[in-house]
Amino acid sequence: MFLKQLQYLREIERYKSFSKAANACGVSQPALSRAIRQLEDELGVVIIDRKKKVFGVTNEGARVLKWAHDILKGISELRNEVAVTRQAIAGHVKIGVIPTAVHIVPLLLEAVQARCGDFASEVNVLPNRTLIDKLVSKELDIGIMYYDQCPQAKAFEVRTLYTEQQVLAASHTFELPEGEDISWDAASRLPLALLTKEMRCRQLVDVGFRTAGVEPTIRRETNSLELIHAEVMEGKVATILPILSFPLRVPPPGRLKMLRLSGFSPGAVGIVRLSEQTTSEFASDVWDIALNTSFQDNIDALCKPSPVPPPA
């Protein structure tokens, strides 16, 4: 029961709510509350400050939470170590990545495979805030996200991986300018499918249109890259996305044209981990391999002109 109590406590801290934590853990709220009361009785301290209207933990509770994270992290690593021993693999790593950087993960995993041999990985595609929360709770070893949205506190170690290149992508159903570039004015007149406004790359796109003094023609807004890709490939809309958000292994030759937007301020994608966390030797190896993998070369290669044949 002790491990379950620590898991409940971790979810209470994450959601700042007993009811939401209970739902996440798949138990009733009374059962979760009883488990936390039992843990407090066993330890002889009050963990959750129930006198305040706003969720909070006591000073003793904060120290218990730190131990809870460490214990659950240790249990996870122990299970991984047992699995590694049984499977005779190099190790196990847990990676979190933002949606628009997901297609660099196969490049990283290939580099790890080439250097370390067979290994196991768990990859979660997450928004920035959830990614950071899971790093703090030690459910992830490494995060890949926008550099300027990485915490700059001493608790985190952050390194830049590559400078993002956003492009306008459209099929041959649209009349596009010759060459490698398109103006913001010309882009604004195309029917666009864009990510929703809470996404960092969308915020950069909005800055580009505002700076150019033009209003975009937005026909779709979604948090699903798959939906945008599908509609662009069908010729219904154009889009503006980081070039690495398109699948690298299955390029659509001749079906899409990608044009750079002049004067675009690119974002930088970085890798982040807890600086005080004692990671496994294998997770540290993956970190080093990521820093020595040239993702920028892939961007530069993909940003070369891509001719589009005329409609049949």
Protein backbone atom coordinates (compact mmCIF):
# COMPACT_ATOMS: atom_id res chain seq x y z
CA MET A 1 0.00 0.00 0.00
CA PHE A 2 2.92 2.37 0.71
CA LEU A 3 3.88 2.83 -2.96
CA LYS A 4 0.25 3.46 -3.89
CA GLN A 5 0.08 6.18 -1.24
CA LEU A 6 3.16 7.87 -2.71
CA GLN A 7 1.67 7.66 -6.20
CA TYR A 8 -1.54 9.23 -4.91
CA LEU A 9 0.47 11.98 -3.25
CA ARG A 10 2.35 12.69 -6.48
CA GLU A 11 -0.90 13.07 -8.41
CA ILE A 12 -2.41 15.33 -5.73
CA GLU A 13 0.60 17.61 -6.06
CA ARG A 14 0.30 17.59 -9.86
CA TYR A 15 -3.42 18.37 -10.05
CA LYS A 16 -3.72 20.45 -6.87
CA SER A 17 -7.02 18.67 -6.34
CA PHE A 18 -8.10 15.49 -4.53
CA SER A 19 -10.92 14.80 -7.00
CA LYS A 20 -8.74 15.21 -10.11
CA ALA A 21 -5.97 13.14 -8.56
CA ALA A 22 -8.44 10.39 -7.68
CA ASN A 23 -9.75 10.38 -11.25
CA ALA A 24 -6.19 10.17 -12.63
CA CYS A 25 -5.42 7.25 -10.29
CA GLY A 26 -8.65 5.41 -11.08
CA VAL A 27 -9.93 5.39 -7.50
CA SER A 28 -12.70 7.15 -5.61
CA GLN A 29 -11.93 10.41 -3.84
CA PRO A 30 -12.80 8.98 -0.39
CA ALA A 31 -10.40 6.07 -0.98
CA LEU A 32 -7.61 8.42 -2.01
CA SER A 33 -8.25 10.72 0.97
CA ARG A 34 -8.17 7.75 3.37
CA ALA A 35 -4.86 6.57 1.87
CA ILE A 36 -3.28 10.01 2.40
CA ARG A 37 -4.62 10.18 5.97
CA GLN A 38 -3.14 6.74 6.61
CA LEU A 39 0.23 7.86 5.21
CA GLU A 40 0.18 10.93 7.45
CA ASP A 41 -0.61 8.75 10.47
CA GLU A 42 2.18 6.30 9.60
CA LEU A 43 4.74 9.11 9.22
CA GLY A 44 3.42 11.21 12.09
CA VAL A 45 3.24 14.44 10.05
CA VAL A 46 0.58 16.50 8.29
CA ILE A 47 1.33 16.57 4.57
CA ILE A 48 -1.65 18.40 3.06
CA ASP A 49 -2.71 21.71 4.64
CA ARG A 50 -6.49 21.25 4.70
CA LYS A 51 -7.16 24.52 6.55
CA LYS A 52 -6.44 26.68 3.50
CA LYS A 53 -8.99 27.27 0.76
CA VAL A 54 -6.18 27.10 -1.84
CA PHE A 55 -4.36 23.78 -2.13
CA GLY A 56 -1.07 23.66 -0.29
CA VAL A 57 1.35 21.38 1.49
CA THR A 58 2.97 21.88 4.87
CA ASN A 59 6.73 22.31 5.29
CA GLU A 60 6.94 18.68 6.40
CA GLY A 61 4.74 17.72 3.44
CA ALA A 62 7.14 19.34 0.98
CA ARG A 63 9.96 17.17 2.32
CA VAL A 64 7.77 14.07 2.11
CA LEU A 65 6.92 14.94 -1.50
CA LYS A 66 10.60 15.16 -2.40
CA TRP A 67 11.18 11.72 -0.91
CA ALA A 68 8.09 10.42 -2.71
CA HIS A 69 9.49 11.54 -6.06
CA ASP A 70 12.88 10.01 -5.28
CA ILE A 71 11.38 6.70 -4.11
CA LEU A 72 9.06 6.38 -7.12
CA LYS A 73 11.91 7.29 -9.45
CA GLY A 74 14.09 4.65 -7.76
CA ILE A 75 11.37 2.00 -8.10
CA SER A 76 10.95 2.87 -11.79
CA GLU A 77 14.70 2.61 -12.36
CA LEU A 78 14.82 -0.70 -10.49
CA ARG A 79 12.09 -2.13 -12.71
CA ASN A 80 13.89 -0.83 -15.79
CA GLU A 81 17.17 -2.33 -14.58
CA VAL A 82 15.53 -5.72 -14.11
CA ALA A 83 14.02 -5.48 -17.60
CA VAL A 84 17.38 -4.45 -19.05
CA THR A 85 19.09 -7.42 -17.37
CA ARG A 86 16.45 -9.86 -18.62
CA GLN A 87 16.49 -8.52 -22.17
CA ALA A 88 20.27 -8.01 -22.41
CA ILE A 89 19.86 -4.45 -23.72
CA ALA A 90 21.97 -1.32 -23.19
CA GLY A 91 19.40 0.51 -21.09
CA HIS A 92 16.05 2.28 -20.89
CA VAL A 93 15.32 5.98 -21.35
CA LYS A 94 12.12 8.05 -20.97
CA ILE A 95 11.84 11.05 -23.28
CA GLY A 96 9.22 13.80 -23.47
CA VAL A 97 8.93 15.85 -26.67
CA ILE A 98 6.71 18.70 -27.86
CA PRO A 99 4.47 17.82 -30.86
CA THR A 100 6.32 19.98 -33.42
CA ALA A 101 9.66 18.31 -32.65
CA VAL A 102 8.42 14.72 -32.62
CA HIS A 103 10.00 13.79 -35.96
CA ILE A 104 13.54 14.39 -34.68
CA VAL A 105 13.11 11.59 -32.16
CA PRO A 106 13.72 8.80 -34.74
CA LEU A 107 16.97 10.56 -35.70
CA LEU A 108 18.03 10.60 -32.05
CA LEU A 109 17.03 6.98 -31.45
CA GLU A 110 18.94 5.87 -34.55
CA ALA A 111 22.05 7.66 -33.24
CA VAL A 112 21.63 5.95 -29.85
CA GLN A 113 21.18 2.56 -31.55
CA ALA A 114 24.34 3.07 -33.62
CA ARG A 115 26.42 3.90 -30.55
CA CYS A 116 24.90 1.73 -27.83
CA GLY A 117 23.20 -1.19 -29.58
CA ASP A 118 19.74 -2.45 -28.62
CA PHE A 119 17.90 -0.43 -25.98
CA ALA A 120 14.39 0.36 -24.79
CA SER A 121 12.70 3.76 -24.82
CA GLU A 122 9.45 5.38 -23.77
CA VAL A 123 8.55 8.51 -25.76
CA ASN A 124 5.70 10.80 -24.67
CA VAL A 125 4.44 13.64 -26.87
CA LEU A 126 3.47 16.40 -24.44
CA PRO A 127 2.81 20.14 -24.20
CA ASN A 128 5.53 22.19 -22.51
CA ARG A 129 3.88 22.48 -19.10
CA THR A 130 3.15 18.76 -18.77
CA LEU A 131 6.66 17.92 -19.96
CA ILE A 132 8.20 20.10 -17.25
CA ASP A 133 5.86 18.66 -14.60
CA LYS A 134 6.94 15.13 -15.53
CA LEU A 135 10.60 16.10 -15.37
CA VAL A 136 10.06 17.56 -11.90
CA SER A 137 8.23 14.42 -10.74
CA LYS A 138 11.09 12.37 -12.27
CA GLU A 139 8.78 10.49 -14.63
CA LEU A 140 10.98 11.59 -17.56
CA ASP A 141 14.74 11.52 -18.00
CA ILE A 142 14.95 14.07 -20.85
CA GLY A 143 12.68 16.68 -22.42
CA ILE A 144 12.83 18.25 -25.89
CA MET A 145 11.03 21.59 -26.16
CA TYR A 146 11.32 25.24 -27.19
CA TYR A 147 14.49 26.65 -25.66
CA ASP A 148 12.91 29.96 -24.65
CA GLN A 149 10.20 28.10 -22.74
CA CYS A 150 12.63 25.88 -20.84
CA PRO A 151 12.91 26.84 -17.17
CA GLN A 152 16.10 28.82 -16.65
CA ALA A 153 16.27 28.03 -12.94
CA LYS A 154 19.29 26.26 -11.49
CA ALA A 155 17.17 23.14 -11.06
CA PHE A 156 17.30 22.54 -14.83
CA GLU A 157 20.10 21.93 -17.29
CA VAL A 158 19.25 23.24 -20.77
CA ARG A 159 21.11 23.00 -24.09
CA THR A 160 20.14 24.11 -27.60
CA LEU A 161 19.66 21.36 -30.20
CA TYR A 162 18.75 23.33 -33.34
CA THR A 163 17.24 26.53 -34.67
CA GLU A 164 13.81 25.84 -36.06
CA GLN A 165 12.89 26.67 -39.67
CA GLN A 166 9.22 27.31 -40.25
CA VAL A 167 7.93 27.14 -43.81
CA LEU A 168 4.74 27.65 -45.76
CA ALA A 169 3.71 24.28 -47.19
CA ALA A 170 1.07 23.81 -49.88
CA SER A 171 0.15 21.45 -52.70
CA HIS A 172 0.02 22.14 -56.45
CA THR A 173 -3.63 23.19 -56.15
CA PHE A 174 -2.43 26.64 -55.10
CA GLU A 175 -0.60 29.15 -57.26
CA LEU A 176 2.66 29.80 -55.45
CA PRO A 177 5.54 32.10 -56.34
CA GLU A 178 8.62 30.75 -58.06
CA GLY A 179 11.80 30.47 -56.01
CA GLU A 180 12.41 29.52 -52.41
CA ASP A 181 10.63 32.34 -50.53
CA ILE A 182 7.16 33.77 -50.07
CA SER A 183 6.14 37.10 -48.55
CA TRP A 184 3.88 37.36 -45.52
CA ASP A 185 1.41 39.31 -47.66
CA ALA A 186 1.19 36.49 -50.22
CA ALA A 187 0.94 33.89 -47.45
CA SER A 188 -1.87 35.83 -45.77
CA ARG A 189 -4.07 35.45 -48.87
CA LEU A 190 -3.93 31.65 -48.84
CA PRO A 191 -6.49 29.64 -46.81
CA LEU A 192 -4.43 28.45 -43.85
CA ALA A 193 -4.60 25.64 -41.31
CA LEU A 194 -2.61 26.63 -38.22
CA LEU A 195 -1.95 25.22 -34.79
CA THR A 196 -3.92 26.72 -31.92
CA LYS A 197 -2.70 29.88 -30.23
CA GLU A 198 -1.31 28.27 -27.09
CA MET A 199 1.31 26.51 -29.22
CA ARG A 200 4.65 28.34 -29.29
CA CYS A 201 5.26 27.92 -33.02
CA ARG A 202 1.81 29.44 -33.73
CA GLN A 203 2.72 32.42 -31.55
CA LEU A 204 5.81 32.96 -33.71
CA VAL A 205 3.65 32.82 -36.85
CA ASP A 206 1.27 35.42 -35.39
CA VAL A 207 4.23 37.71 -34.67
CA GLY A 208 5.31 37.36 -38.31
CA PHE A 209 1.92 38.42 -39.65
CA ARG A 210 1.61 41.29 -37.17
CA THR A 211 5.09 42.56 -38.02
CA ALA A 212 4.21 42.49 -41.73
CA GLY A 213 0.96 44.36 -41.00
CA VAL A 214 -1.28 41.76 -42.65
CA GLU A 215 -4.18 39.62 -41.47
CA PRO A 216 -3.99 35.88 -42.29
CA THR A 217 -6.87 33.94 -43.85
CA ILE A 218 -7.35 31.20 -41.25
CA ARG A 219 -9.66 28.32 -42.16
CA ARG A 220 -8.58 25.71 -39.58
CA GLU A 221 -7.15 25.91 -36.06
CA THR A 222 -6.27 22.67 -34.32
CA ASN A 223 -3.78 21.12 -31.92
CA SER A 224 -3.47 18.08 -34.22
CA LEU A 225 -0.52 18.03 -36.61
CA GLU A 226 -2.00 14.92 -38.24
CA LEU A 227 -5.18 16.82 -39.19
CA ILE A 228 -3.18 19.71 -40.66
CA HIS A 229 -0.94 17.34 -42.62
CA ALA A 230 -3.96 15.48 -44.02
CA GLU A 231 -5.78 18.60 -45.16
CA VAL A 232 -2.65 20.12 -46.69
CA MET A 233 -1.95 16.91 -48.61
CA GLU A 234 -5.52 16.93 -49.92
CA GLY A 235 -5.01 20.45 -51.24
CA LYS A 236 -7.72 22.01 -49.08
CA VAL A 237 -5.48 24.46 -47.23
CA ALA A 238 -1.89 25.63 -46.90
CA THR A 239 -0.06 25.78 -43.57
CA ILE A 240 2.90 27.32 -41.78
CA LEU A 241 4.77 24.83 -39.62
CA PRO A 242 8.31 23.91 -38.56
CA ILE A 243 9.81 21.82 -41.35
CA LEU A 244 10.75 19.10 -38.87
CA SER A 245 7.09 18.68 -37.94
CA PHE A 246 6.60 16.95 -41.30
CA PRO A 247 7.48 13.23 -41.47
CA LEU A 248 11.10 12.86 -42.55
CA ARG A 249 11.01 9.21 -43.52
CA VAL A 250 8.06 9.38 -45.90
CA PRO A 251 8.55 12.60 -47.87
CA PRO A 252 5.80 13.38 -50.38
CA PRO A 253 7.99 14.01 -53.47
CA GLY A 254 6.35 16.41 -55.87
CA ARG A 255 3.18 16.77 -53.80
CA LEU A 256 4.16 19.65 -51.54
CA LYS A 257 6.11 22.82 -52.07
CA MET A 258 7.77 24.41 -49.06
CA LEU A 259 8.69 28.09 -49.09
CA ARG A 260 10.59 30.15 -46.54
CA LEU A 261 8.93 33.24 -45.09
CA SER A 262 11.17 36.27 -45.32
CA GLY A 263 12.02 37.99 -42.05
CA PHE A 264 10.77 35.10 -39.91
CA SER A 265 12.06 34.94 -36.33
CA PRO A 266 12.70 31.23 -35.74
CA GLY A 267 12.36 29.47 -32.42
CA ALA A 268 15.12 27.33 -30.95
CA VAL A 269 14.48 23.79 -29.76
CA GLY A 270 16.43 22.63 -26.73
CA ILE A 271 16.99 19.58 -24.57
CA VAL A 272 16.33 19.79 -20.82
CA ARG A 273 16.78 17.66 -17.72
CA LEU A 274 16.88 18.13 -13.98
CA SER A 275 20.38 19.24 -13.05
CA GLU A 276 20.18 17.70 -9.57
CA GLN A 277 18.72 14.41 -10.76
CA THR A 278 20.93 11.34 -10.60
CA THR A 279 20.08 9.76 -13.93
CA SER A 280 21.11 6.33 -15.07
CA GLU A 281 24.36 6.03 -16.97
CA PHE A 282 22.39 5.13 -20.09
CA ALA A 283 20.15 8.24 -19.84
CA SER A 284 23.32 10.34 -19.52
CA ASP A 285 24.68 8.66 -22.66
CA VAL A 286 21.47 9.54 -24.54
CA TRP A 287 21.83 13.16 -23.40
CA ASP A 288 25.40 13.29 -24.75
CA ILE A 289 24.40 11.64 -28.03
CA ALA A 290 21.59 14.19 -28.50
CA LEU A 291 24.05 17.04 -28.06
CA ASN A 292 26.34 15.52 -30.69
CA THR A 293 23.63 14.72 -33.27
CA SER A 294 23.43 17.31 -36.05
CA PHE A 295 19.71 17.96 -36.34
CA GLN A 296 20.53 21.28 -38.02
CA ASP A 297 21.98 19.45 -41.05
CA ASN A 298 18.62 17.74 -41.58
CA ILE A 299 16.82 21.09 -41.46
CA ASP A 300 19.22 22.65 -43.96
CA ALA A 301 18.81 19.68 -46.33
CA LEU A 302 15.02 19.78 -46.10
CA CYS A 303 14.91 23.53 -46.73
CA LYS A 304 16.25 23.15 -50.27
CA PRO A 305 13.77 24.02 -53.04
CA SER A 306 11.12 21.34 -53.67
CA PRO A 307 9.58 21.68 -57.16
CA VAL A 308 5.92 20.83 -57.58
CA PRO A 309 4.70 19.34 -60.88
CA PRO A 310 1.70 20.94 -62.57
CA PRO A 311 -1.71 19.34 -62.04
CA ALA A 312 -2.44 16.40 -64.36
